[in-house]
Amino acid sequence: MGISQASLVFRAKEPIKDMRALVCAVFGAPAIPVTPPQFQTLDPRFRENVVVEEFGDVVVVSNFELVWNLMTRQPDAEPTIWAALGSPDRWMAFCYMDGGGTYGYAIYERDRRTRFRLQTTDLADMPPLIECGEPLPLERKWLDAPWEMEGDDPDATDDRIKVFRHPDTGAVTTEEYMTAQILSDLSTQLWGMCPWEWPTRPLLHYFELELPLV
């Protein structure tokens, strides 16, 4: 089935006393807390649904439409979102969508985007790779990693894939999953964990936004 998550991640400067108020500020819309058993049908891939996870002081806000628009269409919304999150020194937007082969991340220093990389598969209105900003040292290790072509039949070029090997760890990834691999490593470095792997069970909050019909 794979992973399907699009989120904002930040480290809270102080405990968040009113998560509903934060969600309202981020989305610019009223938010209604959702409690069991209704939350079991709540899916943040739908525009009106929001899931918030607290891993200690690391907070993950999931909603596909918000993140996708922020990463691809609405860079002018960044200062507003940054302020709504409590003005963190660093934060990140990411999408990890196994089903569509789409992986990407945007890293922000306060209200300024400093690094962006988005890798897609078969999206008609987008190139397969978009990036801007200087890669971080962790990224550079992968982007400059040695590679070789691998496959069952050395004469069948269509069946062979480019495989990269990390120079320090020996870990391998393919060209198709390069951005996914970097995102996983970046998350561990920046936040101490990957939001989609749940190293510990987070404190969960569920909300339904009151949005105008489109």
Protein backbone atom coordinates (compact mmCIF):
# COMPACT_ATOMS: atom_id res chain seq x y z
CA MET A 1 0.00 0.00 0.00
CA GLY A 2 2.88 2.37 0.71
CA ILE A 3 3.12 5.71 2.46
CA SER A 4 0.94 8.68 1.61
CA GLN A 5 1.67 11.77 3.71
CA ALA A 6 2.05 15.51 3.11
CA SER A 7 2.92 17.60 6.16
CA LEU A 8 4.52 20.58 7.80
CA VAL A 9 7.13 19.82 10.47
CA PHE A 10 8.53 22.21 13.05
CA ARG A 11 9.99 22.28 16.53
CA ALA A 12 7.77 24.23 18.93
CA LYS A 13 9.58 26.88 20.95
CA GLU A 14 7.22 26.28 23.86
CA PRO A 15 4.35 23.88 24.61
CA ILE A 16 1.30 24.53 22.42
CA LYS A 17 -1.61 25.18 24.75
CA ASP A 18 -4.31 25.55 22.10
CA MET A 19 -3.78 23.29 19.07
CA ARG A 20 -7.12 24.25 17.59
CA ALA A 21 -6.09 27.91 17.51
CA LEU A 22 -2.84 26.98 15.74
CA VAL A 23 -4.72 24.97 13.10
CA CYS A 24 -7.19 27.81 12.55
CA ALA A 25 -4.31 30.24 12.06
CA VAL A 26 -2.39 27.98 9.67
CA PHE A 27 -5.39 27.30 7.44
CA GLY A 28 -7.17 30.61 7.86
CA ALA A 29 -10.42 28.76 8.54
CA PRO A 30 -12.48 27.55 11.51
CA ALA A 31 -11.47 24.08 12.72
CA ILE A 32 -13.66 21.63 14.63
CA PRO A 33 -11.92 19.05 16.86
CA VAL A 34 -12.87 15.50 15.92
CA THR A 35 -12.89 12.75 18.55
CA PRO A 36 -13.36 8.96 18.41
CA PRO A 37 -14.97 7.19 16.70
CA GLN A 38 -15.30 9.83 13.96
CA PHE A 39 -11.53 10.32 13.59
CA GLN A 40 -11.18 6.78 12.21
CA THR A 41 -12.65 7.99 8.92
CA LEU A 42 -10.66 11.23 8.81
CA ASP A 43 -8.11 11.32 5.96
CA PRO A 44 -5.79 14.36 5.57
CA ARG A 45 -5.61 13.73 1.83
CA PHE A 46 -9.03 15.41 1.74
CA ARG A 47 -8.86 19.19 1.89
CA GLU A 48 -11.07 19.60 4.97
CA ASN A 49 -9.24 17.06 7.16
CA VAL A 50 -6.20 17.83 9.34
CA VAL A 51 -4.15 15.52 11.54
CA VAL A 52 -1.61 16.91 14.02
CA GLU A 53 1.01 14.70 15.67
CA GLU A 54 3.16 15.79 18.61
CA PHE A 55 6.44 13.92 19.11
CA GLY A 56 7.60 15.84 22.15
CA ASP A 57 8.44 19.32 20.87
CA VAL A 58 8.36 18.22 17.22
CA VAL A 59 4.96 18.92 15.66
CA VAL A 60 3.67 17.46 12.38
CA VAL A 61 0.63 19.05 10.69
CA SER A 62 -0.77 16.92 7.84
CA ASN A 63 -3.03 18.13 5.05
CA PHE A 64 -2.29 17.36 1.41
CA GLU A 65 -3.84 20.43 -0.18
CA LEU A 66 -2.06 22.90 2.10
CA VAL A 67 1.35 21.32 1.58
CA TRP A 68 0.97 20.78 -2.17
CA ASN A 69 -0.15 24.37 -2.73
CA LEU A 70 2.65 25.69 -0.54
CA MET A 71 5.29 23.68 -2.38
CA THR A 72 4.06 24.22 -5.93
CA ARG A 73 1.71 27.21 -6.18
CA GLN A 74 1.71 29.57 -3.22
CA PRO A 75 5.17 30.64 -2.02
CA ASP A 76 3.65 33.97 -0.95
CA ALA A 77 1.80 32.11 1.84
CA GLU A 78 5.04 31.21 3.61
CA PRO A 79 5.30 34.22 6.02
CA THR A 80 1.69 33.73 7.11
CA ILE A 81 2.17 30.03 7.79
CA TRP A 82 5.50 30.63 9.52
CA ALA A 83 3.89 33.13 11.90
CA ALA A 84 0.95 30.77 12.55
CA LEU A 85 3.38 28.01 13.54
CA GLY A 86 4.87 30.24 16.22
CA SER A 87 7.78 31.63 14.15
CA PRO A 88 10.07 28.57 14.33
CA ASP A 89 13.72 29.08 13.39
CA ARG A 90 13.52 26.18 10.94
CA TRP A 91 10.61 24.22 9.50
CA MET A 92 9.89 21.93 6.61
CA ALA A 93 7.10 21.00 4.23
CA PHE A 94 7.24 17.55 2.67
CA CYS A 95 5.28 15.08 0.60
CA TYR A 96 5.95 11.35 0.54
CA MET A 97 3.47 9.74 -1.82
CA ASP A 98 4.36 6.18 -2.77
CA GLY A 99 1.18 5.69 -4.76
CA GLY A 100 1.92 8.46 -7.24
CA GLY A 101 5.70 8.30 -7.08
CA THR A 102 5.91 11.87 -5.76
CA TYR A 103 8.48 12.91 -3.16
CA GLY A 104 9.62 16.35 -2.16
CA TYR A 105 10.64 18.75 0.56
CA ALA A 106 10.98 22.46 1.16
CA ILE A 107 13.21 23.69 3.98
CA TYR A 108 12.65 27.11 5.52
CA GLU A 109 14.84 29.27 7.70
CA ARG A 110 12.29 31.40 9.55
CA ASP A 111 10.05 32.84 6.77
CA ARG A 112 12.46 32.21 3.87
CA ARG A 113 12.63 29.06 1.76
CA THR A 114 16.27 28.03 1.44
CA ARG A 115 16.04 24.63 -0.24
CA PHE A 116 13.47 22.89 -2.41
CA ARG A 117 13.41 19.58 -4.27
CA LEU A 118 10.39 17.86 -5.83
CA GLN A 119 10.54 14.62 -7.81
CA THR A 120 7.41 13.40 -9.59
CA THR A 121 6.37 10.52 -11.84
CA ASP A 122 4.16 10.99 -14.89
CA LEU A 123 2.54 14.29 -13.87
CA ALA A 124 1.57 15.92 -17.14
CA ASP A 125 1.86 19.52 -15.92
CA MET A 126 5.20 19.15 -14.11
CA PRO A 127 8.77 18.18 -15.00
CA PRO A 128 10.11 15.06 -13.28
CA LEU A 129 12.47 17.08 -11.08
CA ILE A 130 12.34 20.64 -9.75
CA GLU A 131 14.86 22.01 -7.29
CA CYS A 132 16.27 25.29 -6.10
CA GLY A 133 18.65 26.43 -3.39
CA GLU A 134 22.00 25.00 -2.39
CA PRO A 135 21.84 21.30 -1.36
CA LEU A 136 22.69 20.61 2.26
CA PRO A 137 25.83 18.53 3.00
CA LEU A 138 23.65 15.50 3.76
CA GLU A 139 21.96 15.82 0.37
CA ARG A 140 25.27 16.27 -1.43
CA LYS A 141 26.48 12.91 -0.11
CA TRP A 142 23.65 11.22 -2.01
CA LEU A 143 23.61 13.48 -5.07
CA ASP A 144 27.34 12.94 -5.63
CA ALA A 145 27.31 9.26 -4.65
CA PRO A 146 28.88 6.72 -7.02
CA TRP A 147 26.41 4.73 -9.05
CA GLU A 148 26.20 1.74 -11.34
CA MET A 149 23.63 0.16 -13.60
CA GLU A 150 22.06 -2.98 -12.21
CA GLY A 151 19.62 -5.51 -13.65
CA ASP A 152 19.12 -9.18 -14.41
CA ASP A 153 20.12 -8.91 -18.06
CA PRO A 154 23.14 -6.70 -18.81
CA ASP A 155 22.11 -6.54 -22.49
CA ALA A 156 18.54 -5.39 -21.77
CA THR A 157 19.00 -1.67 -21.14
CA ASP A 158 15.28 -1.10 -20.52
CA ASP A 159 15.38 -3.43 -17.49
CA ARG A 160 18.48 -1.91 -15.90
CA ILE A 161 18.28 0.80 -13.27
CA LYS A 162 20.75 3.31 -11.87
CA VAL A 163 21.67 2.44 -8.28
CA PHE A 164 23.49 4.88 -6.00
CA ARG A 165 25.62 3.80 -3.03
CA HIS A 166 26.20 6.17 -0.10
CA PRO A 167 29.96 6.69 0.32
CA ASP A 168 29.86 6.58 4.14
CA THR A 169 27.15 4.08 5.05
CA GLY A 170 27.02 1.83 2.01
CA ALA A 171 23.24 2.25 1.84
CA VAL A 172 21.78 2.09 -1.66
CA THR A 173 18.89 3.76 -3.43
CA THR A 174 17.67 4.05 -6.99
CA GLU A 175 17.36 7.17 -9.09
CA GLU A 176 13.57 6.91 -8.81
CA TYR A 177 13.68 6.98 -5.00
CA MET A 178 16.58 9.38 -4.56
CA THR A 179 14.41 12.22 -3.20
CA ALA A 180 12.53 9.83 -0.91
CA GLN A 181 15.82 8.56 0.51
CA ILE A 182 17.18 12.08 1.05
CA LEU A 183 13.90 13.13 2.70
CA SER A 184 14.11 10.20 5.11
CA ASP A 185 17.69 11.06 6.04
CA LEU A 186 16.94 14.78 6.33
CA SER A 187 14.00 14.12 8.63
CA THR A 188 16.17 12.03 10.92
CA GLN A 189 18.88 14.70 10.97
CA LEU A 190 16.61 17.71 11.45
CA TRP A 191 13.89 16.26 13.69
CA GLY A 192 15.40 13.13 15.19
CA MET A 193 12.87 10.84 13.46
CA CYS A 194 10.79 10.24 10.32
CA PRO A 195 7.18 11.40 10.80
CA TRP A 196 5.82 8.47 8.78
CA GLU A 197 7.69 5.83 10.79
CA TRP A 198 6.36 6.68 14.30
CA PRO A 199 9.43 5.82 16.42
CA THR A 200 7.20 6.56 19.42
CA ARG A 201 3.45 6.97 19.54
CA PRO A 202 2.63 10.66 19.17
CA LEU A 203 -0.05 12.70 20.84
CA LEU A 204 -2.71 12.94 18.14
CA HIS A 205 -5.17 15.72 17.31
CA TYR A 206 -7.84 15.56 14.61
CA PHE A 207 -9.70 18.48 13.05
CA GLU A 208 -12.26 19.13 10.35
CA LEU A 209 -12.01 22.50 8.62
CA GLU A 210 -15.06 24.56 7.77
CA LEU A 211 -14.16 25.47 4.20
CA PRO A 212 -16.22 27.13 1.47
CA LEU A 213 -17.49 24.86 -1.28
CA VAL A 214 -15.43 24.80 -4.47
